C-alpha cells in the first residue's frame, strides 16, 4: 500500500509535452495503478487517440474548455465538468483553441 502525500500548487515532477505543461502529482507506480496529474493544455494540443489496458482516467476541467473523444463520441467539456473513461476504452483530449 502506498503512502499518503500532499502536493501543493507547483509541486510534483513537471515535463513539457509538445508545448503543454504536465505536472505528475502521484504516479501509478506509487498508488497501485492510480495517478494524478495536472495538465495546462496549450492551444491546439491533442493527446491523440489511445487507450490504457488497466488504467482508468478522470479529468476535471477547472477553467476553459477541452474537447474529448471517447470511443466514437466527441464532445466539449467546459469549466466545472468532470469526464471519466474506464480501462480499454479509446480516448483523447485536446485544447481546440488556436
PDB file of N, CA and C in Angstrom:
ATOM      1  N   UNK A   1       0.848  -1.180   0.000  1.00  0.00           N
ATOM      2  CA  UNK A   1       0.000   0.000   0.000  1.00  0.00           C
ATOM      3  C   UNK A   1       0.883   1.228   0.000  1.00  0.00           C
ATOM      4  N   UNK A   2       0.498   2.235  -0.748  1.00  0.00           N
ATOM      5  CA  UNK A   2       1.272   3.465  -0.855  1.00  0.00           C
ATOM      6  C   UNK A   2       1.191   4.311   0.399  1.00  0.00           C
ATOM      7  N   UNK A   3       1.923   5.393   0.369  1.00  0.00           N
ATOM      8  CA  UNK A   3       1.992   6.307   1.495  1.00  0.00           C
ATOM      9  C   UNK A   3       1.230   7.581   1.149  1.00  0.00           C
ATOM     10  N   UNK A   4       0.524   8.159   2.109  1.00  0.00           N
ATOM     11  CA  UNK A   4      -0.198   9.410   1.879  1.00  0.00           C
ATOM     12  C   UNK A   4       0.793  10.539   1.639  1.00  0.00           C
ATOM     13  N   UNK A   5       0.400  11.479   0.794  1.00  0.00           N
ATOM     14  CA  UNK A   5       1.296  12.588   0.470  1.00  0.00           C
ATOM     15  C   UNK A   5       0.463  13.791   0.034  1.00  0.00           C
ATOM     16  N   UNK A   6       0.971  14.975   0.279  1.00  0.00           N
ATOM     17  CA  UNK A   6       0.330  16.214  -0.157  1.00  0.00           C
ATOM     18  C   UNK A   6       1.262  16.908  -1.135  1.00  0.00           C
ATOM     19  N   UNK A   7       0.751  17.251  -2.302  1.00  0.00           N
ATOM     20  CA  UNK A   7       1.485  18.071  -3.257  1.00  0.00           C
ATOM     21  C   UNK A   7       0.748  19.392  -3.382  1.00  0.00           C
ATOM     22  N   UNK A   8       1.396  20.461  -3.011  1.00  0.00           N
ATOM     23  CA  UNK A   8       0.803  21.791  -3.120  1.00  0.00           C
ATOM     24  C   UNK A   8       0.951  22.311  -4.546  1.00  0.00           C
ATOM     25  N   UNK A   9       0.326  23.432  -4.822  1.00  0.00           N
ATOM     26  CA  UNK A   9       0.438  24.055  -6.146  1.00  0.00           C
ATOM     27  C   UNK A   9       1.905  24.218  -6.510  1.00  0.00           C
ATOM     28  N   UNK A  10       2.242  23.861  -7.734  1.00  0.00           N
ATOM     29  CA  UNK A  10       3.613  23.989  -8.209  1.00  0.00           C
ATOM     30  C   UNK A  10       4.519  22.829  -7.859  1.00  0.00           C
ATOM     31  N   UNK A  11       4.044  21.877  -7.064  1.00  0.00           N
ATOM     32  CA  UNK A  11       4.869  20.728  -6.675  1.00  0.00           C
ATOM     33  C   UNK A  11       4.563  19.522  -7.552  1.00  0.00           C
ATOM     34  N   UNK A  12       5.537  18.636  -7.672  1.00  0.00           N
ATOM     35  CA  UNK A  12       5.413  17.436  -8.482  1.00  0.00           C
ATOM     36  C   UNK A  12       6.485  17.434  -9.555  1.00  0.00           C
ATOM     37  N   UNK A  13       6.555  16.354 -10.316  1.00  0.00           N
ATOM     38  CA  UNK A  13       7.516  16.231 -11.409  1.00  0.00           C
ATOM     39  C   UNK A  13       6.897  16.799 -12.677  1.00  0.00           C
ATOM     40  N   UNK A  14       7.512  17.841 -13.225  1.00  0.00           N
ATOM     41  CA  UNK A  14       6.954  18.517 -14.402  1.00  0.00           C
ATOM     42  C   UNK A  14       7.749  18.215 -15.664  1.00  0.00           C
ATOM     43  N   UNK A  15       7.022  18.094 -16.766  1.00  0.00           N
ATOM     44  CA  UNK A  15       7.622  17.920 -18.090  1.00  0.00           C
ATOM     45  C   UNK A  15       6.834  18.778 -19.076  1.00  0.00           C
ATOM     46  N   UNK A  16       7.451  19.059 -20.209  1.00  0.00           N
ATOM     47  CA  UNK A  16       6.766  19.763 -21.288  1.00  0.00           C
ATOM     48  C   UNK A  16       6.530  18.771 -22.412  1.00  0.00           C
ATOM     49  N   UNK A  17       5.301  18.675 -22.864  1.00  0.00           N
ATOM     50  CA  UNK A  17       4.914  17.727 -23.903  1.00  0.00           C
ATOM     51  C   UNK A  17       4.288  18.505 -25.057  1.00  0.00           C
ATOM     52  N   UNK A  18       5.041  18.725 -26.110  1.00  0.00           N
ATOM     53  CA  UNK A  18       4.575  19.490 -27.272  1.00  0.00           C
ATOM     54  C   UNK A  18       3.956  20.832 -26.861  1.00  0.00           C
ATOM     55  N   UNK A  19       4.654  21.545 -25.963  1.00  0.00           N
ATOM     56  CA  UNK A  19       4.200  22.859 -25.535  1.00  0.00           C
ATOM     57  C   UNK A  19       3.200  22.855 -24.400  1.00  0.00           C
ATOM     58  N   UNK A  20       2.810  21.679 -23.945  1.00  0.00           N
ATOM     59  CA  UNK A  20       1.857  21.546 -22.845  1.00  0.00           C
ATOM     60  C   UNK A  20       2.597  21.147 -21.574  1.00  0.00           C
ATOM     61  N   UNK A  21       2.340  21.878 -20.490  1.00  0.00           N
ATOM     62  CA  UNK A  21       2.987  21.577 -19.219  1.00  0.00           C
ATOM     63  C   UNK A  21       2.203  20.495 -18.479  1.00  0.00           C
ATOM     64  N   UNK A  22       2.904  19.433 -18.089  1.00  0.00           N
ATOM     65  CA  UNK A  22       2.292  18.327 -17.352  1.00  0.00           C
ATOM     66  C   UNK A  22       3.039  18.180 -16.032  1.00  0.00           C
ATOM     67  N   UNK A  23       2.310  18.216 -14.916  1.00  0.00           N
ATOM     68  CA  UNK A  23       2.906  18.008 -13.601  1.00  0.00           C
ATOM     69  C   UNK A  23       2.300  16.750 -13.003  1.00  0.00           C
ATOM     70  N   UNK A  24       3.151  15.757 -12.776  1.00  0.00           N
ATOM     71  CA  UNK A  24       2.708  14.497 -12.179  1.00  0.00           C
ATOM     72  C   UNK A  24       2.728  14.648 -10.664  1.00  0.00           C
ATOM     73  N   UNK A  25       1.549  14.615 -10.074  1.00  0.00           N
ATOM     74  CA  UNK A  25       1.422  14.731  -8.624  1.00  0.00           C
ATOM     75  C   UNK A  25       1.617  13.365  -7.969  1.00  0.00           C
ATOM     76  N   UNK A  26       0.920  12.358  -8.471  1.00  0.00           N
ATOM     77  CA  UNK A  26       1.055  10.978  -7.990  1.00  0.00           C
ATOM     78  C   UNK A  26       1.149  10.088  -9.219  1.00  0.00           C
ATOM     79  N   UNK A  27       2.176   9.238  -9.280  1.00  0.00           N
ATOM     80  CA  UNK A  27       2.354   8.331 -10.418  1.00  0.00           C
ATOM     81  C   UNK A  27       1.748   6.972 -10.096  1.00  0.00           C
ATOM     82  N   UNK A  28       1.345   6.253 -11.137  1.00  0.00           N
ATOM     83  CA  UNK A  28       0.635   4.979 -10.953  1.00  0.00           C
ATOM     84  C   UNK A  28       1.462   3.957 -10.186  1.00  0.00           C
ATOM     85  N   UNK A  29       2.785   4.002 -10.285  1.00  0.00           N
ATOM     86  CA  UNK A  29       3.603   3.039  -9.543  1.00  0.00           C
ATOM     87  C   UNK A  29       3.693   3.382  -8.057  1.00  0.00           C
ATOM     88  N   UNK A  30       3.225   4.562  -7.672  1.00  0.00           N
ATOM     89  CA  UNK A  30       3.204   4.968  -6.270  1.00  0.00           C
ATOM     90  C   UNK A  30       1.877   4.635  -5.596  1.00  0.00           C
ATOM     91  N   UNK A  31       0.842   4.349  -6.377  1.00  0.00           N
ATOM     92  CA  UNK A  31      -0.507   4.254  -5.809  1.00  0.00           C
ATOM     93  C   UNK A  31      -1.313   3.102  -6.400  1.00  0.00           C
ATOM     94  N   UNK A  32      -0.668   1.966  -6.592  1.00  0.00           N
ATOM     95  CA  UNK A  32      -1.365   0.767  -7.065  1.00  0.00           C
ATOM     96  C   UNK A  32      -2.204   1.034  -8.312  1.00  0.00           C
ATOM     97  N   UNK A  33      -1.641   1.764  -9.270  1.00  0.00           N
ATOM     98  CA  UNK A  33      -2.320   1.983 -10.540  1.00  0.00           C
ATOM     99  C   UNK A  33      -3.074   3.291 -10.653  1.00  0.00           C
ATOM    100  N   UNK A  34      -3.331   3.969  -9.544  1.00  0.00           N
ATOM    101  CA  UNK A  34      -3.989   5.277  -9.602  1.00  0.00           C
ATOM    102  C   UNK A  34      -2.935   6.343  -9.883  1.00  0.00           C
ATOM    103  N   UNK A  35      -3.357   7.464 -10.415  1.00  0.00           N
ATOM    104  CA  UNK A  35      -2.422   8.560 -10.647  1.00  0.00           C
ATOM    105  C   UNK A  35      -3.175   9.882 -10.623  1.00  0.00           C
ATOM    106  N   UNK A  36      -2.413  10.957 -10.499  1.00  0.00           N
ATOM    107  CA  UNK A  36      -2.994  12.297 -10.546  1.00  0.00           C
ATOM    108  C   UNK A  36      -1.977  13.208 -11.217  1.00  0.00           C
ATOM    109  N   UNK A  37      -2.421  13.922 -12.220  1.00  0.00           N
ATOM    110  CA  UNK A  37      -1.531  14.856 -12.903  1.00  0.00           C
ATOM    111  C   UNK A  37      -2.304  16.111 -13.283  1.00  0.00           C
ATOM    112  N   UNK A  38      -1.564  17.192 -13.414  1.00  0.00           N
ATOM    113  CA  UNK A  38      -2.144  18.479 -13.796  1.00  0.00           C
ATOM    114  C   UNK A  38      -1.635  18.832 -15.191  1.00  0.00           C
ATOM    115  N   UNK A  39      -2.546  19.132 -16.084  1.00  0.00           N
ATOM    116  CA  UNK A  39      -2.200  19.472 -17.470  1.00  0.00           C
ATOM    117  C   UNK A  39      -2.639  20.898 -17.750  1.00  0.00           C
ATOM    118  N   UNK A  40      -1.739  21.700 -18.304  1.00  0.00           N
ATOM    119  CA  UNK A  40      -2.079  23.024 -18.808  1.00  0.00           C
ATOM    120  C   UNK A  40      -1.922  22.915 -20.318  1.00  0.00           C
ATOM    121  N   UNK A  41      -3.035  22.595 -20.985  1.00  0.00           N
ATOM    122  CA  UNK A  41      -3.015  22.251 -22.409  1.00  0.00           C
ATOM    123  C   UNK A  41      -2.842  23.489 -23.280  1.00  0.00           C
ATOM    124  N   UNK A  42      -1.773  23.500 -24.048  1.00  0.00           N
ATOM    125  CA  UNK A  42      -1.504  24.601 -24.974  1.00  0.00           C
ATOM    126  C   UNK A  42      -2.555  24.613 -26.084  1.00  0.00           C
ATOM    127  N   UNK A  43      -2.848  25.774 -26.647  1.00  0.00           N
ATOM    128  CA  UNK A  43      -3.785  25.830 -27.775  1.00  0.00           C
ATOM    129  C   UNK A  43      -3.349  24.883 -28.892  1.00  0.00           C
ATOM    130  N   UNK A  44      -4.296  24.087 -29.375  1.00  0.00           N
ATOM    131  CA  UNK A  44      -4.014  23.131 -30.442  1.00  0.00           C
ATOM    132  C   UNK A  44      -3.455  21.798 -29.971  1.00  0.00           C
ATOM    133  N   UNK A  45      -3.166  21.650 -28.672  1.00  0.00           N
ATOM    134  CA  UNK A  45      -2.626  20.384 -28.157  1.00  0.00           C
ATOM    135  C   UNK A  45      -3.652  19.266 -28.288  1.00  0.00           C
ATOM    136  N   UNK A  46      -3.197  18.065 -28.641  1.00  0.00           N
ATOM    137  CA  UNK A  46      -4.064  16.888 -28.769  1.00  0.00           C
ATOM    138  C   UNK A  46      -3.263  15.663 -28.346  1.00  0.00           C
ATOM    139  N   UNK A  47      -3.802  14.871 -27.429  1.00  0.00           N
ATOM    140  CA  UNK A  47      -3.081  13.676 -26.971  1.00  0.00           C
ATOM    141  C   UNK A  47      -3.034  12.595 -28.037  1.00  0.00           C
ATOM    142  N   UNK A  48      -3.965  12.639 -28.974  1.00  0.00           N
ATOM    143  CA  UNK A  48      -4.082  11.546 -29.933  1.00  0.00           C
ATOM    144  C   UNK A  48      -4.862  10.400 -29.298  1.00  0.00           C
ATOM    145  N   UNK A  49      -5.589   9.683 -30.119  1.00  0.00           N
ATOM    146  CA  UNK A  49      -6.423   8.583 -29.640  1.00  0.00           C
ATOM    147  C   UNK A  49      -5.541   7.464 -29.091  1.00  0.00           C
ATOM    148  N   UNK A  50      -5.847   7.004 -27.888  1.00  0.00           N
ATOM    149  CA  UNK A  50      -5.085   5.940 -27.243  1.00  0.00           C
ATOM    150  C   UNK A  50      -5.977   5.257 -26.214  1.00  0.00           C
ATOM    151  N   UNK A  51      -5.485   4.176 -25.625  1.00  0.00           N
ATOM    152  CA  UNK A  51      -6.209   3.522 -24.530  1.00  0.00           C
ATOM    153  C   UNK A  51      -5.207   2.970 -23.535  1.00  0.00           C
ATOM    154  N   UNK A  52      -5.709   2.646 -22.364  1.00  0.00           N
ATOM    155  CA  UNK A  52      -4.898   2.061 -21.299  1.00  0.00           C
ATOM    156  C   UNK A  52      -5.504   0.711 -20.938  1.00  0.00           C
ATOM    157  N   UNK A  53      -4.670  -0.289 -20.824  1.00  0.00           N
ATOM    158  CA  UNK A  53      -5.153  -1.640 -20.516  1.00  0.00           C
ATOM    159  C   UNK A  53      -5.801  -1.721 -19.136  1.00  0.00           C
ATOM    160  N   UNK A  54      -5.158  -1.103 -18.119  1.00  0.00           N
ATOM    161  CA  UNK A  54      -5.661  -1.253 -16.746  1.00  0.00           C
ATOM    162  C   UNK A  54      -5.990   0.069 -16.063  1.00  0.00           C
ATOM    163  N   UNK A  55      -5.591   1.159 -16.643  1.00  0.00           N
ATOM    164  CA  UNK A  55      -5.741   2.466 -16.002  1.00  0.00           C
ATOM    165  C   UNK A  55      -7.057   3.129 -16.400  1.00  0.00           C
ATOM    166  N   UNK A  56      -7.815   3.579 -15.405  1.00  0.00           N
ATOM    167  CA  UNK A  56      -8.982   4.418 -15.674  1.00  0.00           C
ATOM    168  C   UNK A  56      -8.521   5.865 -15.533  1.00  0.00           C
ATOM    169  N   UNK A  57      -9.172   6.767 -16.239  1.00  0.00           N
ATOM    170  CA  UNK A  57      -8.781   8.174 -16.165  1.00  0.00           C
ATOM    171  C   UNK A  57      -9.992   9.045 -15.869  1.00  0.00           C
ATOM    172  N   UNK A  58      -9.748  10.065 -15.054  1.00  0.00           N
ATOM    173  CA  UNK A  58     -10.766  11.050 -14.716  1.00  0.00           C
ATOM    174  C   UNK A  58     -10.150  12.431 -14.891  1.00  0.00           C
ATOM    175  N   UNK A  59     -10.864  13.326 -15.548  1.00  0.00           N
ATOM    176  CA  UNK A  59     -10.403  14.695 -15.747  1.00  0.00           C
ATOM    177  C   UNK A  59     -11.390  15.644 -15.099  1.00  0.00           C
ATOM    178  N   UNK A  60     -10.858  16.704 -14.530  1.00  0.00           N
ATOM    179  CA  UNK A  60     -11.661  17.822 -14.050  1.00  0.00           C
ATOM    180  C   UNK A  60     -11.167  19.052 -14.807  1.00  0.00           C
ATOM    181  N   UNK A  61     -12.077  19.798 -15.384  1.00  0.00           N
ATOM    182  CA  UNK A  61     -11.722  20.993 -16.156  1.00  0.00           C
ATOM    183  C   UNK A  61     -11.973  22.214 -15.267  1.00  0.00           C
ATOM    184  N   UNK A  62     -10.915  22.827 -14.714  1.00  0.00           N
ATOM    185  CA  UNK A  62     -11.123  23.954 -13.795  1.00  0.00           C
ATOM    186  C   UNK A  62     -11.526  25.246 -14.499  1.00  0.00           C
ATOM    187  N   UNK A  63     -11.040  25.439 -15.716  1.00  0.00           N
ATOM    188  CA  UNK A  63     -11.429  26.619 -16.494  1.00  0.00           C
ATOM    189  C   UNK A  63     -11.186  26.339 -17.970  1.00  0.00           C
ATOM    190  N   UNK A  64     -11.714  27.187 -18.806  1.00  0.00           N
ATOM    191  CA  UNK A  64     -11.564  26.983 -20.242  1.00  0.00           C
ATOM    192  C   UNK A  64     -12.439  25.854 -20.750  1.00  0.00           C
ATOM    193  N   UNK A  65     -11.949  25.187 -21.793  1.00  0.00           N
ATOM    194  CA  UNK A  65     -12.727  24.138 -22.448  1.00  0.00           C
ATOM    195  C   UNK A  65     -11.771  23.132 -23.084  1.00  0.00           C
ATOM    196  N   UNK A  66     -12.092  21.854 -22.974  1.00  0.00           N
ATOM    197  CA  UNK A  66     -11.344  20.790 -23.640  1.00  0.00           C
ATOM    198  C   UNK A  66     -12.292  19.993 -24.519  1.00  0.00           C
ATOM    199  N   UNK A  67     -11.759  19.459 -25.593  1.00  0.00           N
ATOM    200  CA  UNK A  67     -12.534  18.578 -26.462  1.00  0.00           C
ATOM    201  C   UNK A  67     -12.088  17.148 -26.187  1.00  0.00           C
ATOM    202  N   UNK A  68     -13.054  16.257 -25.980  1.00  0.00           N
ATOM    203  CA  UNK A  68     -12.773  14.851 -25.694  1.00  0.00           C
ATOM    204  C   UNK A  68     -13.293  13.966 -26.807  1.00  0.00           C
ATOM    205  N   UNK A  69     -12.570  12.918 -27.095  1.00  0.00           N
ATOM    206  CA  UNK A  69     -13.037  11.827 -27.952  1.00  0.00           C
ATOM    207  C   UNK A  69     -13.016  10.582 -27.081  1.00  0.00           C
ATOM    208  N   UNK A  70     -14.165   9.946 -26.929  1.00  0.00           N
ATOM    209  CA  UNK A  70     -14.289   8.720 -26.135  1.00  0.00           C
ATOM    210  C   UNK A  70     -15.033   7.720 -27.002  1.00  0.00           C
ATOM    211  N   UNK A  71     -14.347   6.658 -27.380  1.00  0.00           N
ATOM    212  CA  UNK A  71     -14.867   5.699 -28.358  1.00  0.00           C
ATOM    213  C   UNK A  71     -15.256   6.456 -29.622  1.00  0.00           C
ATOM    214  N   UNK A  72     -16.525   6.404 -29.984  1.00  0.00           N
ATOM    215  CA  UNK A  72     -16.999   7.059 -31.207  1.00  0.00           C
ATOM    216  C   UNK A  72     -17.555   8.461 -30.958  1.00  0.00           C
ATOM    217  N   UNK A  73     -17.620   8.882 -29.703  1.00  0.00           N
ATOM    218  CA  UNK A  73     -18.258  10.154 -29.349  1.00  0.00           C
ATOM    219  C   UNK A  73     -17.229  11.271 -29.178  1.00  0.00           C
ATOM    220  N   UNK A  74     -17.548  12.457 -29.687  1.00  0.00           N
ATOM    221  CA  UNK A  74     -16.730  13.655 -29.484  1.00  0.00           C
ATOM    222  C   UNK A  74     -17.603  14.704 -28.810  1.00  0.00           C
ATOM    223  N   UNK A  75     -17.067  15.333 -27.753  1.00  0.00           N
ATOM    224  CA  UNK A  75     -17.830  16.362 -27.040  1.00  0.00           C
ATOM    225  C   UNK A  75     -16.870  17.347 -26.395  1.00  0.00           C
ATOM    226  N   UNK A  76     -17.396  18.500 -26.030  1.00  0.00           N
ATOM    227  CA  UNK A  76     -16.607  19.519 -25.343  1.00  0.00           C
ATOM    228  C   UNK A  76     -17.004  19.569 -23.879  1.00  0.00           C
ATOM    229  N   UNK A  77     -15.996  19.714 -23.031  1.00  0.00           N
ATOM    230  CA  UNK A  77     -16.203  19.827 -21.589  1.00  0.00           C
ATOM    231  C   UNK A  77     -15.702  21.201 -21.160  1.00  0.00           C
ATOM    232  N   UNK A  78     -16.570  21.982 -20.541  1.00  0.00           N
ATOM    233  CA  UNK A  78     -16.189  23.333 -20.123  1.00  0.00           C
ATOM    234  C   UNK A  78     -15.949  23.375 -18.620  1.00  0.00           C
ATOM    235  N   UNK A  79     -15.591  24.546 -18.120  1.00  0.00           N
ATOM    236  CA  UNK A  79     -15.228  24.732 -16.714  1.00  0.00           C
ATOM    237  C   UNK A  79     -16.228  24.067 -15.772  1.00  0.00           C
ATOM    238  N   UNK A  80     -15.712  23.286 -14.840  1.00  0.00           N
ATOM    239  CA  UNK A  80     -16.534  22.589 -13.862  1.00  0.00           C
ATOM    240  C   UNK A  80     -16.910  21.177 -14.257  1.00  0.00           C
ATOM    241  N   UNK A  81     -16.645  20.794 -15.504  1.00  0.00           N
ATOM    242  CA  UNK A  81     -17.008  19.448 -15.978  1.00  0.00           C
ATOM    243  C   UNK A  81     -16.016  18.405 -15.473  1.00  0.00           C
ATOM    244  N   UNK A  82     -16.516  17.186 -15.340  1.00  0.00           N
ATOM    245  CA  UNK A  82     -15.702  16.030 -14.962  1.00  0.00           C
ATOM    246  C   UNK A  82     -15.964  14.937 -15.994  1.00  0.00           C
ATOM    247  N   UNK A  83     -14.901  14.316 -16.498  1.00  0.00           N
ATOM    248  CA  UNK A  83     -15.010  13.269 -17.516  1.00  0.00           C
ATOM    249  C   UNK A  83     -14.306  12.023 -16.998  1.00  0.00           C
ATOM    250  N   UNK A  84     -14.959  10.868 -17.117  1.00  0.00           N
ATOM    251  CA  UNK A  84     -14.389   9.588 -16.676  1.00  0.00           C
ATOM    252  C   UNK A  84     -14.319   8.634 -17.858  1.00  0.00           C
ATOM    253  N   UNK A  85     -13.187   7.927 -17.980  1.00  0.00           N
ATOM    254  CA  UNK A  85     -13.016   6.917 -19.024  1.00  0.00           C
ATOM    255  C   UNK A  85     -12.476   5.644 -18.371  1.00  0.00           C
ATOM    256  N   UNK A  86     -13.190   4.514 -18.501  1.00  0.00           N
ATOM    257  CA  UNK A  86     -12.713   3.256 -17.919  1.00  0.00           C
ATOM    258  C   UNK A  86     -11.557   2.658 -18.735  1.00  0.00           C
ATOM    259  N   UNK A  87     -10.884   1.651 -18.193  1.00  0.00           N
ATOM    260  CA  UNK A  87      -9.801   0.989 -18.927  1.00  0.00           C
ATOM    261  C   UNK A  87     -10.299   0.415 -20.256  1.00  0.00           C
ATOM    262  N   UNK A  88      -9.389   0.309 -21.209  1.00  0.00           N
ATOM    263  CA  UNK A  88      -9.609  -0.329 -22.507  1.00  0.00           C
ATOM    264  C   UNK A  88     -10.596   0.415 -23.411  1.00  0.00           C
ATOM    265  N   UNK A  89     -10.851   1.684 -23.120  1.00  0.00           N
ATOM    266  CA  UNK A  89     -11.730   2.497 -23.965  1.00  0.00           C
ATOM    267  C   UNK A  89     -10.863   3.536 -24.691  1.00  0.00           C
ATOM    268  N   UNK A  90     -10.870   3.539 -26.026  1.00  0.00           N
ATOM    269  CA  UNK A  90     -10.080   4.529 -26.763  1.00  0.00           C
ATOM    270  C   UNK A  90     -10.558   5.952 -26.441  1.00  0.00           C
ATOM    271  N   UNK A  91      -9.597   6.849 -26.230  1.00  0.00           N
ATOM    272  CA  UNK A  91      -9.948   8.217 -25.868  1.00  0.00           C
ATOM    273  C   UNK A  91      -8.811   9.178 -26.221  1.00  0.00           C
ATOM    274  N   UNK A  92      -9.141  10.446 -26.241  1.00  0.00           N
ATOM    275  CA  UNK A  92      -8.174  11.525 -26.458  1.00  0.00           C
ATOM    276  C   UNK A  92      -8.774  12.800 -25.900  1.00  0.00           C
ATOM    277  N   UNK A  93      -7.908  13.752 -25.575  1.00  0.00           N
ATOM    278  CA  UNK A  93      -8.412  15.084 -25.259  1.00  0.00           C
ATOM    279  C   UNK A  93      -7.528  16.112 -25.934  1.00  0.00           C
ATOM    280  N   UNK A  94      -8.121  17.273 -26.190  1.00  0.00           N
ATOM    281  CA  UNK A  94      -7.422  18.322 -26.921  1.00  0.00           C
ATOM    282  C   UNK A  94      -7.903  19.692 -26.466  1.00  0.00           C
ATOM    283  N   UNK A  95      -7.039  20.679 -26.653  1.00  0.00           N
ATOM    284  CA  UNK A  95      -7.436  22.069 -26.497  1.00  0.00           C
ATOM    285  C   UNK A  95      -7.745  22.564 -27.904  1.00  0.00           C
ATOM    286  N   UNK A  96      -9.025  22.726 -28.240  1.00  0.00           N
ATOM    287  CA  UNK A  96      -9.407  23.041 -29.615  1.00  0.00           C
ATOM    288  C   UNK A  96      -9.099  24.475 -30.036  1.00  0.00           C
ATOM    289  N   UNK A  97      -8.711  25.302 -29.105  1.00  0.00           N
ATOM    290  CA  UNK A  97      -8.481  26.716 -29.408  1.00  0.00           C
ATOM    291  C   UNK A  97      -7.084  26.922 -29.984  1.00  0.00           C
ATOM    292  N   UNK A  98      -6.973  27.851 -30.895  1.00  0.00           N
ATOM    293  CA  UNK A  98      -5.670  28.134 -31.508  1.00  0.00           C
ATOM    294  C   UNK A  98      -5.238  29.554 -31.242  1.00  0.00           C
TER     295      UNK A  98
END
